PDB file of N, CA and C in Angstrom:
ATOM      1  N   MET A   1       8.922 -80.231-103.094  1.00  0.00           N
ATOM      2  CA  MET A   1       8.302 -78.980-103.619  1.00  0.00           C
ATOM      3  C   MET A   1       7.563 -77.758-102.572  1.00  0.00           C
ATOM      4  N   LYS A   2       7.327 -78.206-101.430  1.00  0.00           N
ATOM      5  CA  LYS A   2       7.454 -76.887-101.115  1.00  0.00           C
ATOM      6  C   LYS A   2       8.555 -75.880-100.565  1.00  0.00           C
ATOM      7  N   LEU A   3       9.425 -77.120-100.524  1.00  0.00           N
ATOM      8  CA  LEU A   3      11.016 -76.322 -99.866  1.00  0.00           C
ATOM      9  C   LEU A   3      11.364 -75.435-100.959  1.00  0.00           C
ATOM     10  N   LEU A   4      10.937 -76.241-102.278  1.00  0.00           N
ATOM     11  CA  LEU A   4      11.620 -75.677-103.424  1.00  0.00           C
ATOM     12  C   LEU A   4      10.940 -74.060-103.561  1.00  0.00           C
ATOM     13  N   LEU A   5       9.896 -73.952-103.379  1.00  0.00           N
ATOM     14  CA  LEU A   5       8.645 -72.878-103.353  1.00  0.00           C
ATOM     15  C   LEU A   5       9.085 -72.004-102.230  1.00  0.00           C
ATOM     16  N   VAL A   6       9.422 -72.177-101.243  1.00  0.00           N
ATOM     17  CA  VAL A   6       9.729 -71.315-100.067  1.00  0.00           C
ATOM     18  C   VAL A   6      10.947 -71.004-100.575  1.00  0.00           C
ATOM     19  N   LEU A   7      12.203 -71.845-100.880  1.00  0.00           N
ATOM     20  CA  LEU A   7      13.307 -70.807-101.343  1.00  0.00           C
ATOM     21  C   LEU A   7      13.324 -69.538-102.524  1.00  0.00           C
ATOM     22  N   LEU A   8      12.293 -70.288-103.739  1.00  0.00           N
ATOM     23  CA  LEU A   8      11.964 -69.350-104.347  1.00  0.00           C
ATOM     24  C   LEU A   8      11.625 -68.251-103.715  1.00  0.00           C
ATOM     25  N   PHE A   9      10.487 -68.229-103.372  1.00  0.00           N
ATOM     26  CA  PHE A   9       9.893 -66.822-102.505  1.00  0.00           C
ATOM     27  C   PHE A   9      10.630 -66.199-101.712  1.00  0.00           C
ATOM     28  N   SER A  10      11.644 -66.807-101.012  1.00  0.00           N
ATOM     29  CA  SER A  10      12.390 -66.120 -99.894  1.00  0.00           C
ATOM     30  C   SER A  10      13.625 -65.323-100.891  1.00  0.00           C
ATOM     31  N   CYS A  11      13.965 -65.543-102.099  1.00  0.00           N
ATOM     32  CA  CYS A  11      14.626 -64.879-102.926  1.00  0.00           C
ATOM     33  C   CYS A  11      14.262 -63.592-103.540  1.00  0.00           C
ATOM     34  N   VAL A  12      12.941 -63.484-103.496  1.00  0.00           N
ATOM     35  CA  VAL A  12      12.267 -62.419-104.676  1.00  0.00           C
ATOM     36  C   VAL A  12      12.585 -61.020-103.676  1.00  0.00           C
ATOM     37  N   PRO A  13      12.446 -60.890-102.044  1.00  0.00           N
ATOM     38  CA  PRO A  13      13.037 -59.445-101.691  1.00  0.00           C
ATOM     39  C   PRO A  13      14.303 -58.983-101.824  1.00  0.00           C
ATOM     40  N   LEU A  14      15.315 -60.088-102.139  1.00  0.00           N
ATOM     41  CA  LEU A  14      16.448 -59.627-102.475  1.00  0.00           C
ATOM     42  C   LEU A  14      16.809 -59.490-103.825  1.00  0.00           C
ATOM     43  N   LEU A  15      15.987 -59.910-104.488  1.00  0.00           N
ATOM     44  CA  LEU A  15      15.900 -58.962-106.509  1.00  0.00           C
ATOM     45  C   LEU A  15      15.274 -57.780-106.010  1.00  0.00           C
ATOM     46  N   ALA A  16      14.472 -57.552-105.786  1.00  0.00           N
ATOM     47  CA  ALA A  16      13.501 -56.018-105.784  1.00  0.00           C
ATOM     48  C   ALA A  16      14.516 -55.184-104.655  1.00  0.00           C
ATOM     49  N   GLY A  17      15.374 -55.706-103.767  1.00  0.00           N
ATOM     50  CA  GLY A  17      16.149 -55.146-103.045  1.00  0.00           C
ATOM     51  C   GLY A  17      17.203 -54.748-104.036  1.00  0.00           C
ATOM     52  N   ALA A  18      17.981 -55.312-104.750  1.00  0.00           N
ATOM     53  CA  ALA A  18      18.744 -54.983-105.592  1.00  0.00           C
ATOM     54  C   ALA A  18      18.191 -54.150-106.524  1.00  0.00           C
ATOM     55  N   GLN A  19      17.183 -54.082-107.095  1.00  0.00           N
ATOM     56  CA  GLN A  19      16.523 -52.841-107.963  1.00  0.00           C
ATOM     57  C   GLN A  19      16.463 -51.418-107.300  1.00  0.00           C
ATOM     58  N   GLU A  20      16.324 -51.883-105.966  1.00  0.00           N
ATOM     59  CA  GLU A  20      16.176 -50.528-105.707  1.00  0.00           C
ATOM     60  C   GLU A  20      17.281 -49.532-105.267  1.00  0.00           C
ATOM     61  N   LYS A  21      18.230 -50.384-105.341  1.00  0.00           N
ATOM     62  CA  LYS A  21      19.652 -49.883-104.744  1.00  0.00           C
ATOM     63  C   LYS A  21      20.158 -48.759-105.870  1.00  0.00           C
ATOM     64  N   LEU A  22      19.745 -49.183-107.142  1.00  0.00           N
ATOM     65  CA  LEU A  22      20.212 -48.164-108.532  1.00  0.00           C
ATOM     66  C   LEU A  22      19.804 -47.085-107.963  1.00  0.00           C
ATOM     67  N   PRO A  23      20.120 -45.933-108.458  1.00  0.00           N
ATOM     68  CA  PRO A  23      19.763 -44.295-108.812  1.00  0.00           C
ATOM     69  C   PRO A  23      18.558 -44.746-109.765  1.00  0.00           C
ATOM     70  N   LYS A  24      17.678 -44.010-109.170  1.00  0.00           N
ATOM     71  CA  LYS A  24      16.155 -43.797-109.709  1.00  0.00           C
ATOM     72  C   LYS A  24      16.536 -43.491-111.508  1.00  0.00           C
ATOM     73  N   ASP A  25      17.261 -42.701-112.093  1.00  0.00           N
ATOM     74  CA  ASP A  25      17.357 -42.807-113.302  1.00  0.00           C
ATOM     75  C   ASP A  25      18.161 -43.865-113.993  1.00  0.00           C
ATOM     76  N   VAL A  26      18.935 -44.675-113.039  1.00  0.00           N
ATOM     77  CA  VAL A  26      19.596 -45.884-113.951  1.00  0.00           C
ATOM     78  C   VAL A  26      18.337 -47.024-113.980  1.00  0.00           C
ATOM     79  N   ALA A  27      17.786 -46.931-112.756  1.00  0.00           N
ATOM     80  CA  ALA A  27      16.436 -48.288-112.567  1.00  0.00           C
ATOM     81  C   ALA A  27      15.403 -47.651-114.074  1.00  0.00           C
ATOM     82  N   ARG A  28      15.159 -46.573-114.231  1.00  0.00           N
ATOM     83  CA  ARG A  28      14.264 -45.979-115.243  1.00  0.00           C
ATOM     84  C   ARG A  28      14.856 -46.478-116.616  1.00  0.00           C
ATOM     85  N   PHE A  29      16.411 -46.474-117.107  1.00  0.00           N
ATOM     86  CA  PHE A  29      16.813 -46.571-117.857  1.00  0.00           C
ATOM     87  C   PHE A  29      16.546 -48.181-118.418  1.00  0.00           C
ATOM     88  N   VAL A  30      17.178 -49.234-117.400  1.00  0.00           N
ATOM     89  CA  VAL A  30      16.401 -50.492-117.316  1.00  0.00           C
ATOM     90  C   VAL A  30      15.459 -50.885-117.264  1.00  0.00           C
ATOM     91  N   GLU A  31      14.430 -50.258-117.234  1.00  0.00           N
ATOM     92  CA  GLU A  31      13.032 -50.919-117.395  1.00  0.00           C
ATOM     93  C   GLU A  31      12.742 -50.167-119.212  1.00  0.00           C
ATOM     94  N   ASN A  32      12.971 -49.469-119.408  1.00  0.00           N
ATOM     95  CA  ASN A  32      12.917 -48.773-120.584  1.00  0.00           C
ATOM     96  C   ASN A  32      13.998 -49.602-121.359  1.00  0.00           C
ATOM     97  N   ALA A  33      14.950 -50.196-121.468  1.00  0.00           N
ATOM     98  CA  ALA A  33      15.809 -50.978-121.827  1.00  0.00           C
ATOM     99  C   ALA A  33      15.345 -52.725-122.513  1.00  0.00           C
ATOM    100  N   ARG A  34      14.525 -52.871-121.130  1.00  0.00           N
ATOM    101  CA  ARG A  34      13.904 -54.608-121.122  1.00  0.00           C
ATOM    102  C   ARG A  34      12.673 -54.058-121.800  1.00  0.00           C
ATOM    103  N   MET A  35      11.877 -53.052-122.013  1.00  0.00           N
ATOM    104  CA  MET A  35      10.789 -52.851-122.607  1.00  0.00           C
ATOM    105  C   MET A  35      11.224 -52.548-124.425  1.00  0.00           C
ATOM    106  N   CYS A  36      12.636 -51.978-124.371  1.00  0.00           N
ATOM    107  CA  CYS A  36      12.919 -51.824-125.857  1.00  0.00           C
ATOM    108  C   CYS A  36      13.223 -53.129-126.715  1.00  0.00           C
ATOM    109  N   GLU A  37      13.873 -53.723-125.656  1.00  0.00           N
ATOM    110  CA  GLU A  37      14.330 -55.208-126.143  1.00  0.00           C
ATOM    111  C   GLU A  37      13.069 -56.479-126.495  1.00  0.00           C
ATOM    112  N   HIS A  38      12.240 -55.906-125.522  1.00  0.00           N
ATOM    113  CA  HIS A  38      11.114 -56.862-125.796  1.00  0.00           C
ATOM    114  C   HIS A  38       9.996 -56.565-126.905  1.00  0.00           C
ATOM    115  N   PHE A  39       9.952 -55.343-127.016  1.00  0.00           N
ATOM    116  CA  PHE A  39       8.670 -55.028-128.140  1.00  0.00           C
ATOM    117  C   PHE A  39       9.707 -54.933-129.644  1.00  0.00           C
ATOM    118  N   ALA A  40      10.828 -54.787-129.561  1.00  0.00           N
ATOM    119  CA  ALA A  40      11.224 -54.780-130.888  1.00  0.00           C
ATOM    120  C   ALA A  40      11.545 -56.364-131.492  1.00  0.00           C
ATOM    121  N   GLY A  41      11.164 -57.282-130.213  1.00  0.00           N
ATOM    122  CA  GLY A  41      11.647 -58.542-130.852  1.00  0.00           C
ATOM    123  C   GLY A  41      10.386 -59.435-130.988  1.00  0.00           C
ATOM    124  N   GLU A  42       8.998 -58.557-131.271  1.00  0.00           N
ATOM    125  CA  GLU A  42       7.795 -58.448-131.578  1.00  0.00           C
ATOM    126  C   GLU A  42       7.415 -58.173-132.965  1.00  0.00           C
ATOM    127  N   TRP A  43       6.875 -58.933-133.527  1.00  0.00           N
ATOM    128  CA  TRP A  43       6.235 -58.228-135.077  1.00  0.00           C
ATOM    129  C   TRP A  43       4.717 -59.106-135.428  1.00  0.00           C
ATOM    130  N   ASP A  44       4.079 -58.103-135.834  1.00  0.00           N
ATOM    131  CA  ASP A  44       2.760 -59.160-136.074  1.00  0.00           C
ATOM    132  C   ASP A  44       1.859 -58.702-137.446  1.00  0.00           C
ATOM    133  N   ASP A  45       2.546 -59.178-138.483  1.00  0.00           N
ATOM    134  CA  ASP A  45       1.971 -59.051-139.769  1.00  0.00           C
ATOM    135  C   ASP A  45       0.641 -59.193-140.363  1.00  0.00           C
ATOM    136  N   ASN A  46      -0.036 -60.307-139.688  1.00  0.00           N
ATOM    137  CA  ASN A  46      -1.455 -60.007-139.518  1.00  0.00           C
ATOM    138  C   ASN A  46      -2.154 -59.172-139.074  1.00  0.00           C
ATOM    139  N   ASP A  47      -1.998 -58.597-138.130  1.00  0.00           N
ATOM    140  CA  ASP A  47      -2.856 -57.642-137.399  1.00  0.00           C
ATOM    141  C   ASP A  47      -2.248 -56.277-137.271  1.00  0.00           C
ATOM    142  N   LYS A  48      -2.381 -55.407-138.203  1.00  0.00           N
ATOM    143  CA  LYS A  48      -1.923 -53.882-138.612  1.00  0.00           C
ATOM    144  C   LYS A  48      -2.039 -53.430-137.336  1.00  0.00           C
ATOM    145  N   THR A  49      -3.073 -53.472-136.496  1.00  0.00           N
ATOM    146  CA  THR A  49      -3.289 -52.254-135.458  1.00  0.00           C
ATOM    147  C   THR A  49      -2.439 -52.868-134.157  1.00  0.00           C
ATOM    148  N   ARG A  50      -2.355 -54.073-134.408  1.00  0.00           N
ATOM    149  CA  ARG A  50      -1.352 -54.622-133.509  1.00  0.00           C
ATOM    150  C   ARG A  50       0.275 -54.069-133.618  1.00  0.00           C
ATOM    151  N   GLN A  51       0.448 -54.214-134.737  1.00  0.00           N
ATOM    152  CA  GLN A  51       1.749 -53.887-135.596  1.00  0.00           C
ATOM    153  C   GLN A  51       1.742 -52.390-135.332  1.00  0.00           C
ATOM    154  N   ARG A  52       1.030 -51.576-135.131  1.00  0.00           N
ATOM    155  CA  ARG A  52       1.012 -50.189-135.215  1.00  0.00           C
ATOM    156  C   ARG A  52       1.316 -49.852-133.729  1.00  0.00           C
ATOM    157  N   GLU A  53       0.921 -50.660-132.800  1.00  0.00           N
ATOM    158  CA  GLU A  53       0.895 -50.313-131.154  1.00  0.00           C
ATOM    159  C   GLU A  53       2.686 -50.882-131.195  1.00  0.00           C
ATOM    160  N   ILE A  54       2.835 -52.010-131.615  1.00  0.00           N
ATOM    161  CA  ILE A  54       4.489 -52.493-131.573  1.00  0.00           C
ATOM    162  C   ILE A  54       5.206 -51.414-132.175  1.00  0.00           C
ATOM    163  N   THR A  55       5.136 -51.132-133.020  1.00  0.00           N
ATOM    164  CA  THR A  55       5.499 -49.875-133.720  1.00  0.00           C
ATOM    165  C   THR A  55       5.840 -48.577-132.674  1.00  0.00           C
ATOM    166  N   GLN A  56       4.681 -48.336-132.317  1.00  0.00           N
ATOM    167  CA  GLN A  56       4.916 -47.109-130.978  1.00  0.00           C
ATOM    168  C   GLN A  56       5.577 -47.385-130.067  1.00  0.00           C
ATOM    169  N   ALA A  57       5.500 -48.563-129.412  1.00  0.00           N
ATOM    170  CA  ALA A  57       5.975 -48.944-128.456  1.00  0.00           C
ATOM    171  C   ALA A  57       7.593 -49.043-128.438  1.00  0.00           C
ATOM    172  N   VAL A  58       8.087 -49.401-129.720  1.00  0.00           N
ATOM    173  CA  VAL A  58       9.745 -49.572-129.845  1.00  0.00           C
ATOM    174  C   VAL A  58       9.780 -47.961-129.875  1.00  0.00           C
ATOM    175  N   ALA A  59       9.353 -47.262-130.629  1.00  0.00           N
ATOM    176  CA  ALA A  59       9.702 -45.554-130.617  1.00  0.00           C
ATOM    177  C   ALA A  59      10.081 -45.016-129.058  1.00  0.00           C
ATOM    178  N   SER A  60       8.675 -45.399-128.570  1.00  0.00           N
ATOM    179  CA  SER A  60       8.668 -45.195-127.491  1.00  0.00           C
ATOM    180  C   SER A  60       9.986 -45.089-126.224  1.00  0.00           C
ATOM    181  N   SER A  61      10.001 -46.404-126.157  1.00  0.00           N
ATOM    182  CA  SER A  61      10.937 -47.300-125.126  1.00  0.00           C
ATOM    183  C   SER A  61      12.352 -47.094-125.619  1.00  0.00           C
ATOM    184  N   CYS A  62      12.731 -47.342-126.944  1.00  0.00           N
ATOM    185  CA  CYS A  62      14.151 -47.898-127.247  1.00  0.00           C
ATOM    186  C   CYS A  62      14.297 -46.141-127.743  1.00  0.00           C
ATOM    187  N   GLY A  63      13.483 -45.132-127.960  1.00  0.00           N
ATOM    188  CA  GLY A  63      13.920 -43.819-127.991  1.00  0.00           C
ATOM    189  C   GLY A  63      14.315 -43.440-126.918  1.00  0.00           C
ATOM    190  N   GLN A  64      13.694 -43.459-125.519  1.00  0.00           N
ATOM    191  CA  GLN A  64      14.152 -43.071-124.036  1.00  0.00           C
ATOM    192  C   GLN A  64      15.159 -43.512-123.944  1.00  0.00           C
ATOM    193  N   ALA A  65      15.145 -44.966-123.964  1.00  0.00           N
ATOM    194  CA  ALA A  65      16.360 -45.912-123.642  1.00  0.00           C
ATOM    195  C   ALA A  65      17.659 -45.245-123.988  1.00  0.00           C
ATOM    196  N   GLN A  66      17.849 -44.834-125.292  1.00  0.00           N
ATOM    197  CA  GLN A  66      18.777 -44.691-126.238  1.00  0.00           C
ATOM    198  C   GLN A  66      19.393 -43.120-126.076  1.00  0.00           C
ATOM    199  N   ARG A  67      18.266 -42.421-125.247  1.00  0.00           N
ATOM    200  CA  ARG A  67      18.900 -41.184-125.051  1.00  0.00           C
ATOM    201  C   ARG A  67      19.566 -41.072-123.279  1.00  0.00           C
ATOM    202  N   GLN A  68      18.687 -42.044-122.774  1.00  0.00           N
ATOM    203  CA  GLN A  68      19.282 -42.372-121.206  1.00  0.00           C
ATOM    204  C   GLN A  68      20.659 -43.009-121.440  1.00  0.00           C
ATOM    205  N   TRP A  69      20.531 -44.024-122.175  1.00  0.00           N
ATOM    206  CA  TRP A  69      22.204 -44.614-122.271  1.00  0.00           C
ATOM    207  C   TRP A  69      23.242 -43.999-122.326  1.00  0.00           C
ATOM    208  N   LYS A  70      23.259 -42.676-123.037  1.00  0.00           N
ATOM    209  CA  LYS A  70      24.206 -41.666-123.628  1.00  0.00           C
ATOM    210  C   LYS A  70      24.288 -40.793-122.843  1.00  0.00           C
ATOM    211  N   ARG A  71      23.182 -40.523-121.961  1.00  0.00           N
ATOM    212  CA  ARG A  71      23.446 -39.407-120.826  1.00  0.00           C
ATOM    213  C   ARG A  71      23.946 -39.992-119.582  1.00  0.00           C
ATOM    214  N   LEU A  72      23.376 -41.340-119.389  1.00  0.00           N
ATOM    215  CA  LEU A  72      23.744 -42.136-117.896  1.00  0.00           C
ATOM    216  C   LEU A  72      25.412 -42.283-118.355  1.00  0.00           C
ATOM    217  N   SER A  73      25.702 -42.915-119.605  1.00  0.00           N
ATOM    218  CA  SER A  73      26.971 -43.310-119.641  1.00  0.00           C
ATOM    219  C   SER A  73      27.895 -42.085-119.182  1.00  0.00           C
ATOM    220  N   THR A  74      27.612 -40.946-119.582  1.00  0.00           N
ATOM    221  CA  THR A  74      28.442 -39.727-118.976  1.00  0.00           C
ATOM    222  C   THR A  74      28.687 -39.353-117.416  1.00  0.00           C
ATOM    223  N   LYS A  75      27.152 -39.132-117.209  1.00  0.00           N
ATOM    224  CA  LYS A  75      27.130 -38.812-115.801  1.00  0.00           C
ATOM    225  C   LYS A  75      27.768 -39.847-115.285  1.00  0.00           C
ATOM    226  N   TYR A  76      27.638 -41.132-115.294  1.00  0.00           N
ATOM    227  CA  TYR A  76      28.223 -42.109-114.297  1.00  0.00           C
ATOM    228  C   TYR A  76      29.620 -42.814-114.780  1.00  0.00           C
ATOM    229  N   ALA A  77      30.302 -42.256-115.430  1.00  0.00           N
ATOM    230  CA  ALA A  77      31.740 -42.514-115.939  1.00  0.00           C
ATOM    231  C   ALA A  77      32.577 -42.779-115.178  1.00  0.00           C
ATOM    232  N   GLY A  78      32.284 -42.152-113.697  1.00  0.00           N
ATOM    233  CA  GLY A  78      33.539 -42.422-112.657  1.00  0.00           C
ATOM    234  C   GLY A  78      33.088 -43.386-111.978  1.00  0.00           C
ATOM    235  N   GLN A  79      31.646 -44.058-111.953  1.00  0.00           N
ATOM    236  CA  GLN A  79      31.215 -45.204-111.106  1.00  0.00           C
ATOM    237  C   GLN A  79      31.071 -46.619-111.730  1.00  0.00           C
ATOM    238  N   PRO A  80      32.188 -47.554-111.706  1.00  0.00           N
ATOM    239  CA  PRO A  80      32.444 -48.334-112.594  1.00  0.00           C
ATOM    240  C   PRO A  80      30.998 -49.745-112.160  1.00  0.00           C
ATOM    241  N   ALA A  81      30.901 -49.952-110.906  1.00  0.00           N
ATOM    242  CA  ALA A  81      29.506 -50.994-110.643  1.00  0.00           C
ATOM    243  C   ALA A  81      28.364 -49.963-111.674  1.00  0.00           C
ATOM    244  N   LEU A  82      27.846 -48.952-111.008  1.00  0.00           N
ATOM    245  CA  LEU A  82      26.599 -48.474-112.515  1.00  0.00           C
ATOM    246  C   LEU A  82      27.287 -48.584-113.836  1.00  0.00           C
ATOM    247  N   GLN A  83      28.205 -48.389-114.147  1.00  0.00           N
ATOM    248  CA  GLN A  83      28.297 -48.353-115.718  1.00  0.00           C
ATOM    249  C   GLN A  83      28.722 -49.921-115.998  1.00  0.00           C
ATOM    250  N   LYS A  84      28.633 -50.652-115.318  1.00  0.00           N
ATOM    251  CA  LYS A  84      28.090 -52.043-115.768  1.00  0.00           C
ATOM    252  C   LYS A  84      26.917 -52.547-116.047  1.00  0.00           C
ATOM    253  N   VAL A  85      26.196 -51.730-114.901  1.00  0.00           N
ATOM    254  CA  VAL A  85      24.514 -52.174-115.049  1.00  0.00           C
ATOM    255  C   VAL A  85      24.032 -51.385-116.451  1.00  0.00           C
ATOM    256  N   ILE A  86      24.522 -50.156-116.714  1.00  0.00           N
ATOM    257  CA  ILE A  86      23.976 -49.541-117.861  1.00  0.00           C
ATOM    258  C   ILE A  86      24.722 -50.350-119.160  1.00  0.00           C
ATOM    259  N   ALA A  87      25.968 -50.564-119.071  1.00  0.00           N
ATOM    260  CA  ALA A  87      26.352 -51.487-120.492  1.00  0.00           C
ATOM    261  C   ALA A  87      25.761 -52.791-120.855  1.00  0.00           C
ATOM    262  N   GLU A  88      25.428 -53.417-119.452  1.00  0.00           N
ATOM    263  CA  GLU A  88      24.910 -54.960-119.503  1.00  0.00           C
ATOM    264  C   GLU A  88      23.439 -54.804-120.119  1.00  0.00           C
ATOM    265  N   ASN A  89      22.993 -53.359-119.758  1.00  0.00           N
ATOM    266  CA  ASN A  89      21.300 -53.006-120.298  1.00  0.00           C
ATOM    267  C   ASN A  89      21.512 -52.446-121.577  1.00  0.00           C
ATOM    268  N   ALA A  90      22.388 -51.740-122.021  1.00  0.00           N
ATOM    269  CA  ALA A  90      22.357 -51.320-123.742  1.00  0.00           C
ATOM    270  C   ALA A  90      22.382 -52.143-124.609  1.00  0.00           C
ATOM    271  N   ASN A  91      21.258 -52.953-124.675  1.00  0.00           N
ATOM    272  CA  ASN A  91      21.259 -54.075-125.605  1.00  0.00           C
ATOM    273  C   ASN A  91      21.087 -53.384-127.275  1.00  0.00           C
ATOM    274  N   ASP A  92      21.119 -54.407-127.688  1.00  0.00           N
ATOM    275  CA  ASP A  92      21.453 -53.993-129.511  1.00  0.00           C
ATOM    276  C   ASP A  92      20.197 -53.231-129.854  1.00  0.00           C
ATOM    277  N   ALA A  93      18.985 -53.715-129.206  1.00  0.00           N
ATOM    278  CA  ALA A  93      17.789 -52.845-129.658  1.00  0.00           C
ATOM    279  C   ALA A  93      18.131 -51.406-129.357  1.00  0.00           C
ATOM    280  N   VAL A  94      18.212 -50.971-128.122  1.00  0.00           N
ATOM    281  CA  VAL A  94      18.817 -50.091-127.770  1.00  0.00           C
ATOM    282  C   VAL A  94      20.214 -49.193-128.679  1.00  0.00           C
ATOM    283  N   ARG A  95      20.786 -50.098-128.592  1.00  0.00           N
ATOM    284  CA  ARG A  95      22.339 -49.201-129.363  1.00  0.00           C
ATOM    285  C   ARG A  95      21.871 -48.647-130.862  1.00  0.00           C
ATOM    286  N   SER A  96      21.329 -49.752-131.502  1.00  0.00           N
ATOM    287  CA  SER A  96      20.898 -49.405-132.737  1.00  0.00           C
ATOM    288  C   SER A  96      19.547 -48.954-133.159  1.00  0.00           C
ATOM    289  N   PHE A  97      18.946 -48.608-132.691  1.00  0.00           N
ATOM    290  CA  PHE A  97      17.512 -47.916-132.493  1.00  0.00           C
ATOM    291  C   PHE A  97      17.611 -46.525-133.570  1.00  0.00           C
ATOM    292  N   ARG A  98      16.890 -46.293-134.652  1.00  0.00           N
ATOM    293  CA  ARG A  98      16.814 -45.205-135.387  1.00  0.00           C
ATOM    294  C   ARG A  98      15.135 -44.715-135.499  1.00  0.00           C
ATOM    295  N   LYS A  99      15.348 -44.041-135.146  1.00  0.00           N
ATOM    296  CA  LYS A  99      14.004 -42.909-135.138  1.00  0.00           C
ATOM    297  C   LYS A  99      13.268 -43.368-136.781  1.00  0.00           C
ATOM    298  N   SER A 100      12.402 -43.586-137.158  1.00  0.00           N
ATOM    299  CA  SER A 100      11.699 -43.858-138.608  1.00  0.00           C
ATOM    300  C   SER A 100      11.108 -42.595-139.062  1.00  0.00           C
ATOM    301  N   SER A 101      11.337 -42.164-140.169  1.00  0.00           N
ATOM    302  CA  SER A 101      11.457 -40.773-140.732  1.00  0.00           C
ATOM    303  C   SER A 101       9.572 -40.735-140.728  1.00  0.00           C
TER     304      SER A 101
END
């Protein structure tokens, strides 16, 4: 058990380092895309206040991620490694987001 914990915690700096190597604008996109997907998967019919918070979070994170996705796809068109990160994080929630009227 201790060995498993040691191995697990020894990998954490590697994961953090991988995220730090991304340009700041790509790292922000990844974070917004993840938040978009998270909030887009939530729904709470029983709590109108919570549902309003979720709707606002979706509009904010998905809207930002969608704008970033389009801009970054063009900006990093000649960089396959960054294009792959961008494409992998442009989830369905980001791609299909439509601002409600």
